[in-house]
Amino acid sequence: ERELGRHFKQLSDYVGAYSVKWGVLTNMRELKVYD
């Protein structure tokens, strides 16, 4: 996976579903934290 940002919608849904502040995406090449 070369563009982690493509999965923002999935991550955002998890953040809402579990009532948390941040979502973390990684492929062990890079790691991105979203709010």
PDB file of all heavy atoms in Angstrom:
ATOM      1  N   GLU A   1       0.849  -1.193   0.000  1.00  0.00           N
ATOM      2  CA  GLU A   1       0.000   0.000   0.000  1.00  0.00           C
ATOM      3  C   GLU A   1       0.886   1.245   0.000  1.00  0.00           C
ATOM      4  O   GLU A   1       1.636   1.485   0.946  1.00  0.00           O
ATOM      5  CB  GLU A   1      -0.915   0.006   1.232  1.00  0.00           C
ATOM      6  CG  GLU A   1      -1.766   1.260   1.383  1.00  0.00           C
ATOM      7  CD  GLU A   1      -2.616   1.522   0.148  1.00  0.00           C
ATOM      8  OE1 GLU A   1      -3.581   0.784  -0.061  1.00  0.00           O
ATOM      9  OE2 GLU A   1      -2.262   2.462  -0.602  1.00  0.00           O
ATOM     10  N   ARG A   2       0.801   2.035  -1.062  1.00  0.00           N
ATOM     11  CA  ARG A   2       1.677   3.197  -1.212  1.00  0.00           C
ATOM     12  C   ARG A   2       1.027   4.490  -0.744  1.00  0.00           C
ATOM     13  O   ARG A   2       1.709   5.493  -0.594  1.00  0.00           O
ATOM     14  CB  ARG A   2       2.082   3.355  -2.686  1.00  0.00           C
ATOM     15  CG  ARG A   2       2.835   2.153  -3.251  1.00  0.00           C
ATOM     16  CD  ARG A   2       4.226   2.044  -2.684  1.00  0.00           C
ATOM     17  NE  ARG A   2       4.825   0.732  -2.908  1.00  0.00           N
ATOM     18  CZ  ARG A   2       6.080   0.431  -2.641  1.00  0.00           C
ATOM     19  NH1 ARG A   2       6.876   1.347  -2.138  1.00  0.00           N
ATOM     20  NH2 ARG A   2       6.543  -0.793  -2.845  1.00  0.00           N
ATOM     21  N   GLU A   3      -0.277   4.501  -0.511  1.00  0.00           N
ATOM     22  CA  GLU A   3      -0.955   5.726  -0.103  1.00  0.00           C
ATOM     23  C   GLU A   3      -1.913   5.423   1.046  1.00  0.00           C
ATOM     24  O   GLU A   3      -3.075   5.046   0.847  1.00  0.00           O
ATOM     25  CB  GLU A   3      -1.731   6.327  -1.286  1.00  0.00           C
ATOM     26  CG  GLU A   3      -2.442   7.632  -0.973  1.00  0.00           C
ATOM     27  CD  GLU A   3      -1.563   8.604  -0.185  1.00  0.00           C
ATOM     28  OE1 GLU A   3      -0.496   8.994  -0.696  1.00  0.00           O
ATOM     29  OE2 GLU A   3      -1.959   8.949   0.945  1.00  0.00           O
ATOM     30  N   LEU A   4      -1.405   5.576   2.266  1.00  0.00           N
ATOM     31  CA  LEU A   4      -2.198   5.259   3.447  1.00  0.00           C
ATOM     32  C   LEU A   4      -3.447   6.140   3.553  1.00  0.00           C
ATOM     33  O   LEU A   4      -4.475   5.720   4.076  1.00  0.00           O
ATOM     34  CB  LEU A   4      -1.346   5.426   4.712  1.00  0.00           C
ATOM     35  CG  LEU A   4      -0.263   4.365   4.935  1.00  0.00           C
ATOM     36  CD1 LEU A   4       0.564   4.727   6.174  1.00  0.00           C
ATOM     37  CD2 LEU A   4      -0.885   2.982   5.114  1.00  0.00           C
ATOM     38  N   GLY A   5      -3.357   7.363   3.051  1.00  0.00           N
ATOM     39  CA  GLY A   5      -4.474   8.295   3.166  1.00  0.00           C
ATOM     40  C   GLY A   5      -5.742   7.793   2.506  1.00  0.00           C
ATOM     41  O   GLY A   5      -6.851   8.263   2.830  1.00  0.00           O
ATOM     42  N   ARG A   6      -5.630   6.812   1.601  1.00  0.00           N
ATOM     43  CA  ARG A   6      -6.816   6.263   0.937  1.00  0.00           C
ATOM     44  C   ARG A   6      -7.756   5.583   1.924  1.00  0.00           C
ATOM     45  O   ARG A   6      -8.939   5.386   1.641  1.00  0.00           O
ATOM     46  CB  ARG A   6      -6.406   5.226  -0.127  1.00  0.00           C
ATOM     47  CG  ARG A   6      -5.716   5.795  -1.324  1.00  0.00           C
ATOM     48  CD  ARG A   6      -5.672   4.801  -2.479  1.00  0.00           C
ATOM     49  NE  ARG A   6      -5.209   3.476  -2.089  1.00  0.00           N
ATOM     50  CZ  ARG A   6      -5.984   2.386  -2.058  1.00  0.00           C
ATOM     51  NH1 ARG A   6      -7.260   2.476  -2.355  1.00  0.00           N
ATOM     52  NH2 ARG A   6      -5.467   1.212  -1.727  1.00  0.00           N
ATOM     53  N   HIS A   7      -7.216   5.232   3.090  1.00  0.00           N
ATOM     54  CA  HIS A   7      -8.003   4.483   4.076  1.00  0.00           C
ATOM     55  C   HIS A   7      -8.518   5.383   5.198  1.00  0.00           C
ATOM     56  O   HIS A   7      -8.922   4.888   6.256  1.00  0.00           O
ATOM     57  CB  HIS A   7      -7.151   3.352   4.643  1.00  0.00           C
ATOM     58  CG  HIS A   7      -6.622   2.413   3.591  1.00  0.00           C
ATOM     59  ND1 HIS A   7      -7.393   1.417   3.033  1.00  0.00           N
ATOM     60  CD2 HIS A   7      -5.410   2.370   2.974  1.00  0.00           C
ATOM     61  CE1 HIS A   7      -6.669   0.774   2.122  1.00  0.00           C
ATOM     62  NE2 HIS A   7      -5.463   1.329   2.076  1.00  0.00           N
ATOM     63  N   PHE A   8      -8.485   6.683   4.969  1.00  0.00           N
ATOM     64  CA  PHE A   8      -8.935   7.619   6.006  1.00  0.00           C
ATOM     65  C   PHE A   8     -10.388   7.369   6.398  1.00  0.00           C
ATOM     66  O   PHE A   8     -10.733   7.405   7.585  1.00  0.00           O
ATOM     67  CB  PHE A   8      -8.772   9.063   5.531  1.00  0.00           C
ATOM     68  CG  PHE A   8      -9.372  10.065   6.476  1.00  0.00           C
ATOM     69  CD1 PHE A   8      -8.692  10.464   7.614  1.00  0.00           C
ATOM     70  CD2 PHE A   8     -10.639  10.592   6.241  1.00  0.00           C
ATOM     71  CE1 PHE A   8      -9.248  11.363   8.506  1.00  0.00           C
ATOM     72  CE2 PHE A   8     -11.206  11.499   7.126  1.00  0.00           C
ATOM     73  CZ  PHE A   8     -10.512  11.882   8.255  1.00  0.00           C
ATOM     74  N   LYS A   9     -11.267   7.112   5.432  1.00  0.00           N
ATOM     75  CA  LYS A   9     -12.693   6.919   5.731  1.00  0.00           C
ATOM     76  C   LYS A   9     -12.891   5.734   6.668  1.00  0.00           C
ATOM     77  O   LYS A   9     -13.635   5.805   7.655  1.00  0.00           O
ATOM     78  CB  LYS A   9     -13.465   6.675   4.426  1.00  0.00           C
ATOM     79  CG  LYS A   9     -14.940   6.316   4.600  1.00  0.00           C
ATOM     80  CD  LYS A   9     -15.746   7.447   5.247  1.00  0.00           C
ATOM     81  CE  LYS A   9     -17.247   7.207   5.135  1.00  0.00           C
ATOM     82  NZ  LYS A   9     -17.713   5.961   5.757  1.00  0.00           N
ATOM     83  N   GLN A  10     -12.219   4.635   6.388  1.00  0.00           N
ATOM     84  CA  GLN A  10     -12.306   3.458   7.245  1.00  0.00           C
ATOM     85  C   GLN A  10     -11.828   3.787   8.657  1.00  0.00           C
ATOM     86  O   GLN A  10     -12.473   3.435   9.648  1.00  0.00           O
ATOM     87  CB  GLN A  10     -11.472   2.314   6.662  1.00  0.00           C
ATOM     88  CG  GLN A  10     -11.485   1.045   7.517  1.00  0.00           C
ATOM     89  CD  GLN A  10     -10.486   0.005   7.029  1.00  0.00           C
ATOM     90  OE1 GLN A  10      -9.547   0.331   6.296  1.00  0.00           O
ATOM     91  NE2 GLN A  10     -10.672  -1.232   7.428  1.00  0.00           N
ATOM     92  N   LEU A  11     -10.691   4.472   8.744  1.00  0.00           N
ATOM     93  CA  LEU A  11     -10.129   4.832  10.042  1.00  0.00           C
ATOM     94  C   LEU A  11     -11.063   5.775  10.792  1.00  0.00           C
ATOM     95  O   LEU A  11     -11.288   5.625  11.995  1.00  0.00           O
ATOM     96  CB  LEU A  11      -8.756   5.484   9.850  1.00  0.00           C
ATOM     97  CG  LEU A  11      -7.938   5.694  11.125  1.00  0.00           C
ATOM     98  CD1 LEU A  11      -7.449   4.364  11.663  1.00  0.00           C
ATOM     99  CD2 LEU A  11      -6.752   6.610  10.855  1.00  0.00           C
ATOM    100  N   SER A  12     -11.614   6.746  10.080  1.00  0.00           N
ATOM    101  CA  SER A  12     -12.528   7.705  10.695  1.00  0.00           C
ATOM    102  C   SER A  12     -13.760   7.009  11.248  1.00  0.00           C
ATOM    103  O   SER A  12     -14.257   7.359  12.330  1.00  0.00           O
ATOM    104  CB  SER A  12     -12.927   8.764   9.662  1.00  0.00           C
ATOM    105  OG  SER A  12     -13.806   9.707  10.228  1.00  0.00           O
ATOM    106  N   ASP A  13     -14.259   6.007  10.532  1.00  0.00           N
ATOM    107  CA  ASP A  13     -15.415   5.243  11.016  1.00  0.00           C
ATOM    108  C   ASP A  13     -15.078   4.511  12.313  1.00  0.00           C
ATOM    109  O   ASP A  13     -15.900   4.450  13.241  1.00  0.00           O
ATOM    110  CB  ASP A  13     -15.865   4.237   9.956  1.00  0.00           C
ATOM    111  CG  ASP A  13     -16.539   4.898   8.761  1.00  0.00           C
ATOM    112  OD1 ASP A  13     -16.917   6.087   8.884  1.00  0.00           O
ATOM    113  OD2 ASP A  13     -16.674   4.237   7.714  1.00  0.00           O
ATOM    114  N   TYR A  14     -13.883   3.966  12.394  1.00  0.00           N
ATOM    115  CA  TYR A  14     -13.461   3.282  13.621  1.00  0.00           C
ATOM    116  C   TYR A  14     -13.367   4.269  14.789  1.00  0.00           C
ATOM    117  O   TYR A  14     -13.766   3.958  15.921  1.00  0.00           O
ATOM    118  CB  TYR A  14     -12.104   2.601  13.424  1.00  0.00           C
ATOM    119  CG  TYR A  14     -12.125   1.383  12.538  1.00  0.00           C
ATOM    120  CD1 TYR A  14     -11.028   1.079  11.733  1.00  0.00           C
ATOM    121  CD2 TYR A  14     -13.218   0.532  12.514  1.00  0.00           C
ATOM    122  CE1 TYR A  14     -11.028  -0.047  10.926  1.00  0.00           C
ATOM    123  CE2 TYR A  14     -13.224  -0.599  11.700  1.00  0.00           C
ATOM    124  CZ  TYR A  14     -12.130  -0.882  10.905  1.00  0.00           C
ATOM    125  OH  TYR A  14     -12.130  -1.986  10.109  1.00  0.00           O
ATOM    126  N   VAL A  15     -12.815   5.438  14.529  1.00  0.00           N
ATOM    127  CA  VAL A  15     -12.685   6.456  15.580  1.00  0.00           C
ATOM    128  C   VAL A  15     -14.058   6.810  16.139  1.00  0.00           C
ATOM    129  O   VAL A  15     -14.245   6.924  17.352  1.00  0.00           O
ATOM    130  CB  VAL A  15     -11.974   7.713  15.024  1.00  0.00           C
ATOM    131  CG1 VAL A  15     -12.102   8.882  15.994  1.00  0.00           C
ATOM    132  CG2 VAL A  15     -10.501   7.415  14.756  1.00  0.00           C
ATOM    133  N   GLY A  16     -15.050   6.969  15.258  1.00  0.00           N
ATOM    134  CA  GLY A  16     -16.403   7.270  15.714  1.00  0.00           C
ATOM    135  C   GLY A  16     -17.055   6.100  16.412  1.00  0.00           C
ATOM    136  O   GLY A  16     -17.718   6.259  17.450  1.00  0.00           O
ATOM    137  N   ALA A  17     -16.859   4.898  15.873  1.00  0.00           N
ATOM    138  CA  ALA A  17     -17.497   3.704  16.431  1.00  0.00           C
ATOM    139  C   ALA A  17     -17.015   3.400  17.837  1.00  0.00           C
ATOM    140  O   ALA A  17     -17.781   2.905  18.679  1.00  0.00           O
ATOM    141  CB  ALA A  17     -17.242   2.503  15.516  1.00  0.00           C
ATOM    142  N   TYR A  18     -15.746   3.696  18.119  1.00  0.00           N
ATOM    143  CA  TYR A  18     -15.189   3.375  19.433  1.00  0.00           C
ATOM    144  C   TYR A  18     -14.969   4.603  20.302  1.00  0.00           C
ATOM    145  O   TYR A  18     -14.337   4.517  21.352  1.00  0.00           O
ATOM    146  CB  TYR A  18     -13.894   2.569  19.273  1.00  0.00           C
ATOM    147  CG  TYR A  18     -14.177   1.174  18.760  1.00  0.00           C
ATOM    148  CD1 TYR A  18     -14.097   0.876  17.410  1.00  0.00           C
ATOM    149  CD2 TYR A  18     -14.587   0.163  19.625  1.00  0.00           C
ATOM    150  CE1 TYR A  18     -14.393  -0.392  16.933  1.00  0.00           C
ATOM    151  CE2 TYR A  18     -14.876  -1.104  19.173  1.00  0.00           C
ATOM    152  CZ  TYR A  18     -14.784  -1.374  17.823  1.00  0.00           C
ATOM    153  OH  TYR A  18     -15.089  -2.637  17.365  1.00  0.00           O
ATOM    154  N   SER A  19     -15.493   5.741  19.851  1.00  0.00           N
ATOM    155  CA  SER A  19     -15.505   6.963  20.655  1.00  0.00           C
ATOM    156  C   SER A  19     -14.114   7.323  21.172  1.00  0.00           C
ATOM    157  O   SER A  19     -13.912   7.547  22.366  1.00  0.00           O
ATOM    158  CB  SER A  19     -16.477   6.813  21.835  1.00  0.00           C
ATOM    159  OG  SER A  19     -16.725   8.044  22.460  1.00  0.00           O
ATOM    160  N   VAL A  20     -13.126   7.375  20.245  1.00  0.00           N
ATOM    161  CA  VAL A  20     -11.759   7.747  20.600  1.00  0.00           C
ATOM    162  C   VAL A  20     -11.370   9.026  19.863  1.00  0.00           C
ATOM    163  O   VAL A  20     -12.130   9.537  19.051  1.00  0.00           O
ATOM    164  CB  VAL A  20     -10.759   6.608  20.278  1.00  0.00           C
ATOM    165  CG1 VAL A  20     -11.030   5.396  21.151  1.00  0.00           C
ATOM    166  CG2 VAL A  20     -10.821   6.227  18.799  1.00  0.00           C
ATOM    167  N   LYS A  21     -10.183   9.532  20.164  1.00  0.00           N
ATOM    168  CA  LYS A  21      -9.740  10.800  19.581  1.00  0.00           C
ATOM    169  C   LYS A  21      -8.938  10.614  18.299  1.00  0.00           C
ATOM    170  O   LYS A  21      -9.134  11.332  17.325  1.00  0.00           O
ATOM    171  CB  LYS A  21      -8.902  11.578  20.609  1.00  0.00           C
ATOM    172  CG  LYS A  21      -8.381  12.928  20.099  1.00  0.00           C
ATOM    173  CD  LYS A  21      -7.676  13.693  21.207  1.00  0.00           C
ATOM    174  CE  LYS A  21      -7.070  15.000  20.698  1.00  0.00           C
ATOM    175  NZ  LYS A  21      -8.055  15.885  20.058  1.00  0.00           N
ATOM    176  N   TRP A  22      -8.013   9.641  18.303  1.00  0.00           N
ATOM    177  CA  TRP A  22      -7.072   9.501  17.194  1.00  0.00           C
ATOM    178  C   TRP A  22      -7.191   8.145  16.510  1.00  0.00           C
ATOM    179  O   TRP A  22      -7.564   7.146  17.136  1.00  0.00           O
ATOM    180  CB  TRP A  22      -5.632   9.661  17.671  1.00  0.00           C
ATOM    181  CG  TRP A  22      -5.287  11.024  18.174  1.00  0.00           C
ATOM    182  CD1 TRP A  22      -5.278  12.190  17.461  1.00  0.00           C
ATOM    183  CD2 TRP A  22      -4.887  11.368  19.505  1.00  0.00           C
ATOM    184  NE1 TRP A  22      -4.896  13.232  18.253  1.00  0.00           N
ATOM    185  CE2 TRP A  22      -4.647  12.770  19.528  1.00  0.00           C
ATOM    186  CE3 TRP A  22      -4.702  10.654  20.673  1.00  0.00           C
ATOM    187  CZ2 TRP A  22      -4.241  13.443  20.665  1.00  0.00           C
ATOM    188  CZ3 TRP A  22      -4.301  11.320  21.820  1.00  0.00           C
ATOM    189  CH2 TRP A  22      -4.072  12.707  21.803  1.00  0.00           C
ATOM    190  N   GLY A  23      -6.820   8.131  15.241  1.00  0.00           N
ATOM    191  CA  GLY A  23      -6.673   6.895  14.491  1.00  0.00           C
ATOM    192  C   GLY A  23      -5.279   6.822  13.919  1.00  0.00           C
ATOM    193  O   GLY A  23      -4.744   7.816  13.422  1.00  0.00           O
ATOM    194  N   VAL A  24      -4.659   5.642  13.982  1.00  0.00           N
ATOM    195  CA  VAL A  24      -3.283   5.448  13.515  1.00  0.00           C
ATOM    196  C   VAL A  24      -3.289   4.466  12.345  1.00  0.00           C
ATOM    197  O   VAL A  24      -3.822   3.353  12.468  1.00  0.00           O
ATOM    198  CB  VAL A  24      -2.379   4.914  14.636  1.00  0.00           C
ATOM    199  CG1 VAL A  24      -0.949   4.718  14.135  1.00  0.00           C
ATOM    200  CG2 VAL A  24      -2.396   5.856  15.845  1.00  0.00           C
ATOM    201  N   LEU A  25      -2.700   4.871  11.230  1.00  0.00           N
ATOM    202  CA  LEU A  25      -2.547   4.021  10.051  1.00  0.00           C
ATOM    203  C   LEU A  25      -1.063   3.743   9.820  1.00  0.00           C
ATOM    204  O   LEU A  25      -0.240   4.661   9.894  1.00  0.00           O
ATOM    205  CB  LEU A  25      -3.099   4.723   8.811  1.00  0.00           C
ATOM    206  CG  LEU A  25      -4.584   4.579   8.471  1.00  0.00           C
ATOM    207  CD1 LEU A  25      -4.935   5.518   7.323  1.00  0.00           C
ATOM    208  CD2 LEU A  25      -4.913   3.135   8.105  1.00  0.00           C
ATOM    209  N   THR A  26      -0.723   2.498   9.538  1.00  0.00           N
ATOM    210  CA  THR A  26       0.681   2.210   9.230  1.00  0.00           C
ATOM    211  C   THR A  26       0.795   0.999   8.322  1.00  0.00           C
ATOM    212  O   THR A  26      -0.069   0.111   8.327  1.00  0.00           O
ATOM    213  CB  THR A  26       1.494   1.958  10.512  1.00  0.00           C
ATOM    214  OG1 THR A  26       2.880   1.835  10.172  1.00  0.00           O
ATOM    215  CG2 THR A  26       1.036   0.700  11.235  1.00  0.00           C
ATOM    216  N   ASN A  27       1.862   0.975   7.534  1.00  0.00           N
ATOM    217  CA  ASN A  27       2.233  -0.204   6.743  1.00  0.00           C
ATOM    218  C   ASN A  27       3.667  -0.619   7.087  1.00  0.00           C
ATOM    219  O   ASN A  27       4.295  -1.369   6.347  1.00  0.00           O
ATOM    220  CB  ASN A  27       2.105   0.077   5.247  1.00  0.00           C
ATOM    221  CG  ASN A  27       2.896   1.312   4.816  1.00  0.00           C
ATOM    222  OD1 ASN A  27       3.678   1.863   5.604  1.00  0.00           O
ATOM    223  ND2 ASN A  27       2.692   1.760   3.583  1.00  0.00           N
ATOM    224  N   MET A  28       4.191  -0.109   8.211  1.00  0.00           N
ATOM    225  CA  MET A  28       5.544  -0.339   8.705  1.00  0.00           C
ATOM    226  C   MET A  28       6.612   0.237   7.776  1.00  0.00           C
ATOM    227  O   MET A  28       7.797   0.011   7.981  1.00  0.00           O
ATOM    228  CB  MET A  28       5.812  -1.823   8.981  1.00  0.00           C
ATOM    229  CG  MET A  28       4.962  -2.405  10.097  1.00  0.00           C
ATOM    230  SD  MET A  28       5.062  -1.492  11.679  1.00  0.00           S
ATOM    231  CE  MET A  28       6.749  -1.838  12.204  1.00  0.00           C
ATOM    232  N   ARG A  29       6.189   1.007   6.761  1.00  0.00           N
ATOM    233  CA  ARG A  29       7.100   1.860   6.005  1.00  0.00           C
ATOM    234  C   ARG A  29       6.971   3.271   6.546  1.00  0.00           C
ATOM    235  O   ARG A  29       7.948   3.970   6.743  1.00  0.00           O
ATOM    236  CB  ARG A  29       6.775   1.837   4.515  1.00  0.00           C
ATOM    237  CG  ARG A  29       7.693   2.760   3.694  1.00  0.00           C
ATOM    238  CD  ARG A  29       7.225   2.945   2.253  1.00  0.00           C
ATOM    239  NE  ARG A  29       7.226   1.696   1.522  1.00  0.00           N
ATOM    240  CZ  ARG A  29       6.131   1.004   1.184  1.00  0.00           C
ATOM    241  NH1 ARG A  29       4.916   1.485   1.511  1.00  0.00           N
ATOM    242  NH2 ARG A  29       6.211  -0.128   0.524  1.00  0.00           N
ATOM    243  N   GLU A  30       5.709   3.661   6.776  1.00  0.00           N
ATOM    244  CA  GLU A  30       5.412   4.949   7.378  1.00  0.00           C
ATOM    245  C   GLU A  30       4.248   4.786   8.339  1.00  0.00           C
ATOM    246  O   GLU A  30       3.547   3.759   8.313  1.00  0.00           O
ATOM    247  CB  GLU A  30       5.077   5.985   6.301  1.00  0.00           C
ATOM    248  CG  GLU A  30       3.924   5.569   5.398  1.00  0.00           C
ATOM    249  CD  GLU A  30       3.655   6.569   4.296  1.00  0.00           C
ATOM    250  OE1 GLU A  30       4.086   7.724   4.437  1.00  0.00           O
ATOM    251  OE2 GLU A  30       2.986   6.194   3.305  1.00  0.00           O
ATOM    252  N   LEU A  31       4.061   5.767   9.176  1.00  0.00           N
ATOM    253  CA  LEU A  31       2.969   5.743  10.144  1.00  0.00           C
ATOM    254  C   LEU A  31       2.349   7.134  10.183  1.00  0.00           C
ATOM    255  O   LEU A  31       3.060   8.140  10.284  1.00  0.00           O
ATOM    256  CB  LEU A  31       3.487   5.339  11.524  1.00  0.00           C
ATOM    257  CG  LEU A  31       2.461   5.247  12.653  1.00  0.00           C
ATOM    258  CD1 LEU A  31       2.849   4.141  13.650  1.00  0.00           C
ATOM    259  CD2 LEU A  31       2.311   6.567  13.397  1.00  0.00           C
ATOM    260  N   LYS A  32       1.008   7.176  10.081  1.00  0.00           N
ATOM    261  CA  LYS A  32       0.296   8.451  10.077  1.00  0.00           C
ATOM    262  C   LYS A  32      -0.774   8.452  11.154  1.00  0.00           C
ATOM    263  O   LYS A  32      -1.513   7.477  11.305  1.00  0.00           O
ATOM    264  CB  LYS A  32      -0.322   8.713   8.704  1.00  0.00           C
ATOM    265  CG  LYS A  32       0.714   8.891   7.601  1.00  0.00           C
ATOM    266  CD  LYS A  32       0.065   9.220   6.257  1.00  0.00           C
ATOM    267  CE  LYS A  32       1.142   9.457   5.190  1.00  0.00           C
ATOM    268  NZ  LYS A  32       0.530   9.797   3.879  1.00  0.00           N
ATOM    269  N   VAL A  33      -0.852   9.577  11.868  1.00  0.00           N
ATOM    270  CA  VAL A  33      -1.845   9.745  12.920  1.00  0.00           C
ATOM    271  C   VAL A  33      -2.862  10.793  12.475  1.00  0.00           C
ATOM    272  O   VAL A  33      -2.482  11.882  12.037  1.00  0.00           O
ATOM    273  CB  VAL A  33      -1.183  10.187  14.246  1.00  0.00           C
ATOM    274  CG1 VAL A  33      -2.242  10.380  15.333  1.00  0.00           C
ATOM    275  CG2 VAL A  33      -0.141   9.160  14.683  1.00  0.00           C
ATOM    276  N   TYR A  34      -4.142  10.458  12.598  1.00  0.00           N
ATOM    277  CA  TYR A  34      -5.212  11.360  12.182  1.00  0.00           C
ATOM    278  C   TYR A  34      -6.097  11.711  13.370  1.00  0.00           C
ATOM    279  O   TYR A  34      -6.273  10.917  14.303  1.00  0.00           O
ATOM    280  CB  TYR A  34      -6.079  10.710  11.103  1.00  0.00           C
ATOM    281  CG  TYR A  34      -5.379  10.493   9.788  1.00  0.00           C
ATOM    282  CD1 TYR A  34      -4.658   9.322   9.550  1.00  0.00           C
ATOM    283  CD2 TYR A  34      -5.422  11.452   8.785  1.00  0.00           C
ATOM    284  CE1 TYR A  34      -4.007   9.106   8.340  1.00  0.00           C
ATOM    285  CE2 TYR A  34      -4.775  11.251   7.561  1.00  0.00           C
ATOM    286  CZ  TYR A  34      -4.075  10.079   7.354  1.00  0.00           C
ATOM    287  OH  TYR A  34      -3.436   9.873   6.155  1.00  0.00           O
ATOM    288  N   ASP A  35      -6.648  12.908  13.290  1.00  0.00           N
ATOM    289  CA  ASP A  35      -7.607  13.379  14.289  1.00  0.00           C
ATOM    290  C   ASP A  35      -8.885  13.761  13.532  1.00  0.00           C
ATOM    291  O   ASP A  35      -9.127  14.924  13.235  1.00  0.00           O
ATOM    292  CB  ASP A  35      -7.037  14.604  15.020  1.00  0.00           C
ATOM    293  CG  ASP A  35      -7.964  15.120  16.109  1.00  0.00           C
ATOM    294  OD1 ASP A  35      -9.020  14.495  16.341  1.00  0.00           O
ATOM    295  OD2 ASP A  35      -7.645  16.152  16.725  1.00  0.00           O
TER     296      ASP A  35
END
